[in-house]
Amino acid sequence: MISTSAETLISVAILSEIRSRLGHGSDDFIVAVGERIGAACSFDFNGGLEPFTVAMNDIWAELGFGMVSMSMERGGLLIRHQLPHQGQDSSVWRDTLPLLVEGVYRSWFHHFSTHGTLSRISSSGSELEFIFSE
């Protein structure tokens, strides 16, 4: 079995190589990878914002991708995602983790509502904000 640290090293190396070869052209690819992660980490919930948030945070904690808080605002669902502290490979994760997270959200929200639109409205430091509206 490959250790978790080896898996992380391999993942960082692959992401770094993709970014170096494709530059910002790799953004769509990395979002698509996030969508696949989201499909693999699908979940059900019994309705309501709080159980939805708890279900997401359980998955985010398992992945080590941060945590989310959500509220109804601005005519839609405001999603605030706090990214985790970034370690020694911060440049790769700083550029790619927000794209992976966006892809996961796109997958989840498409699963629960095929009519809505998810838009990233801000990205500053360790916090991402999205709005989902139908």
Protein backbone atom coordinates (compact mmCIF):
# COMPACT_ATOMS: atom_id res chain seq x y z
CA MET A 1 0.00 0.00 0.00
CA ILE A 2 1.30 3.46 -0.90
CA SER A 3 1.57 5.75 2.13
CA THR A 4 -0.49 8.92 2.42
CA SER A 5 2.65 11.06 2.31
CA ALA A 6 3.73 9.34 -0.92
CA GLU A 7 0.27 9.90 -2.41
CA THR A 8 0.47 13.57 -1.48
CA LEU A 9 3.95 13.89 -2.98
CA ILE A 10 2.79 12.21 -6.21
CA SER A 11 -0.31 14.42 -6.38
CA VAL A 12 1.69 17.61 -5.84
CA ALA A 13 4.23 16.55 -8.48
CA ILE A 14 1.51 15.80 -11.03
CA LEU A 15 -0.33 19.07 -10.35
CA SER A 16 2.93 21.01 -10.53
CA GLU A 17 3.81 19.42 -13.88
CA ILE A 18 0.35 20.11 -15.31
CA ARG A 19 0.54 23.76 -14.20
CA SER A 20 4.06 24.19 -15.62
CA ARG A 21 3.12 22.74 -19.00
CA LEU A 22 -0.32 24.30 -19.41
CA GLY A 23 -0.14 27.41 -17.21
CA HIS A 24 -3.54 28.96 -16.60
CA GLY A 25 -4.86 26.82 -19.45
CA SER A 26 -4.89 24.01 -16.91
CA ASP A 27 -7.61 25.70 -14.82
CA ASP A 28 -10.51 24.00 -16.64
CA PHE A 29 -8.73 20.65 -16.37
CA ILE A 30 -8.21 21.04 -12.61
CA VAL A 31 -11.86 22.10 -12.10
CA ALA A 32 -12.87 18.95 -14.03
CA VAL A 33 -10.67 16.85 -11.70
CA GLY A 34 -12.50 18.49 -8.79
CA GLU A 35 -15.82 17.55 -10.40
CA ARG A 36 -14.69 13.91 -10.45
CA ILE A 37 -13.69 14.14 -6.79
CA GLY A 38 -17.15 15.55 -6.04
CA ALA A 39 -18.84 12.71 -7.92
CA ALA A 40 -16.76 10.18 -5.96
CA CYS A 41 -17.68 11.93 -2.68
CA SER A 42 -21.40 12.27 -3.25
CA PHE A 43 -23.78 12.28 -0.31
CA ASP A 44 -27.43 12.44 0.62
CA PHE A 45 -29.01 14.66 3.23
CA ASN A 46 -32.46 15.05 4.70
CA GLY A 47 -33.03 18.64 3.68
CA GLY A 48 -32.25 21.93 5.31
CA LEU A 49 -29.16 24.08 5.26
CA GLU A 50 -27.61 22.79 8.49
CA PRO A 51 -27.57 19.06 7.56
CA PHE A 52 -26.32 20.03 4.08
CA THR A 53 -23.42 21.99 5.62
CA VAL A 54 -22.62 19.21 8.10
CA ALA A 55 -22.54 16.59 5.31
CA MET A 56 -20.18 18.75 3.24
CA ASN A 57 -17.90 19.51 6.18
CA ASP A 58 -17.61 15.80 6.98
CA ILE A 59 -16.25 15.24 3.47
CA TRP A 60 -14.03 18.35 3.53
CA ALA A 61 -12.53 17.16 6.84
CA GLU A 62 -11.81 13.72 5.41
CA LEU A 63 -10.17 15.23 2.32
CA GLY A 64 -8.29 17.87 4.31
CA PHE A 65 -9.65 20.58 1.98
CA GLY A 66 -10.95 22.98 4.63
CA MET A 67 -14.49 23.73 5.76
CA VAL A 68 -17.63 25.47 4.59
CA SER A 69 -20.30 27.75 6.02
CA MET A 70 -23.41 28.68 4.08
CA SER A 71 -26.23 31.19 4.36
CA MET A 72 -29.11 32.43 2.24
CA GLU A 73 -28.12 35.88 0.92
CA ARG A 74 -28.09 38.03 -2.21
CA GLY A 75 -30.85 36.06 -3.88
CA GLY A 76 -29.05 32.76 -3.52
CA LEU A 77 -27.02 30.45 -1.34
CA LEU A 78 -23.77 32.09 -0.23
CA ILE A 79 -20.99 29.54 0.24
CA ARG A 80 -17.91 30.54 2.21
CA HIS A 81 -15.12 27.98 2.00
CA GLN A 82 -12.15 28.29 4.35
CA LEU A 83 -9.10 26.59 2.83
CA PRO A 84 -6.71 24.70 5.11
CA HIS A 85 -3.32 26.04 6.16
CA GLN A 86 -0.92 25.28 3.32
CA GLY A 87 2.37 23.54 4.01
CA GLN A 88 5.67 23.42 2.19
CA ASP A 89 4.12 22.95 -1.28
CA SER A 90 1.97 26.02 -0.85
CA SER A 91 2.53 27.48 -4.33
CA VAL A 92 1.05 24.42 -6.04
CA TRP A 93 -1.83 24.13 -3.58
CA ARG A 94 -2.46 27.91 -3.54
CA ASP A 95 -3.06 27.79 -7.29
CA THR A 96 -4.84 24.45 -7.59
CA LEU A 97 -6.79 23.78 -4.39
CA PRO A 98 -9.34 26.57 -5.05
CA LEU A 99 -9.96 25.08 -8.52
CA LEU A 100 -10.37 21.57 -7.11
CA VAL A 101 -12.78 22.87 -4.46
CA GLU A 102 -14.77 24.74 -7.12
CA GLY A 103 -15.06 21.55 -9.16
CA VAL A 104 -16.30 19.59 -6.15
CA TYR A 105 -18.99 22.21 -5.49
CA ARG A 106 -19.98 22.22 -9.16
CA SER A 107 -20.46 18.45 -9.03
CA TRP A 108 -22.44 18.51 -5.78
CA PHE A 109 -24.73 21.36 -6.76
CA HIS A 110 -25.34 19.89 -10.20
CA HIS A 111 -26.31 16.62 -8.47
CA PHE A 112 -28.85 18.40 -6.26
CA SER A 113 -30.12 20.96 -8.78
CA THR A 114 -29.57 20.79 -12.53
CA HIS A 115 -31.14 24.24 -13.01
CA GLY A 116 -28.91 26.34 -10.78
CA THR A 117 -25.70 28.23 -11.41
CA LEU A 118 -22.61 28.23 -9.21
CA SER A 119 -20.34 31.28 -9.53
CA ARG A 120 -17.15 32.11 -7.67
CA ILE A 121 -17.59 35.65 -6.39
CA SER A 122 -14.32 36.09 -4.52
CA SER A 123 -11.06 34.44 -3.68
CA SER A 124 -8.83 36.07 -1.11
CA GLY A 125 -6.09 34.36 0.79
CA SER A 126 -7.54 31.30 2.42
CA GLU A 127 -11.24 32.02 1.78
CA LEU A 128 -13.35 31.35 -1.30
CA GLU A 129 -16.87 32.63 -1.80
CA PHE A 130 -19.40 31.20 -4.22
CA ILE A 131 -23.02 31.97 -4.87
CA PHE A 132 -25.48 29.35 -6.00
CA SER A 133 -28.70 30.61 -7.52
CA GLU A 134 -31.54 29.00 -9.41
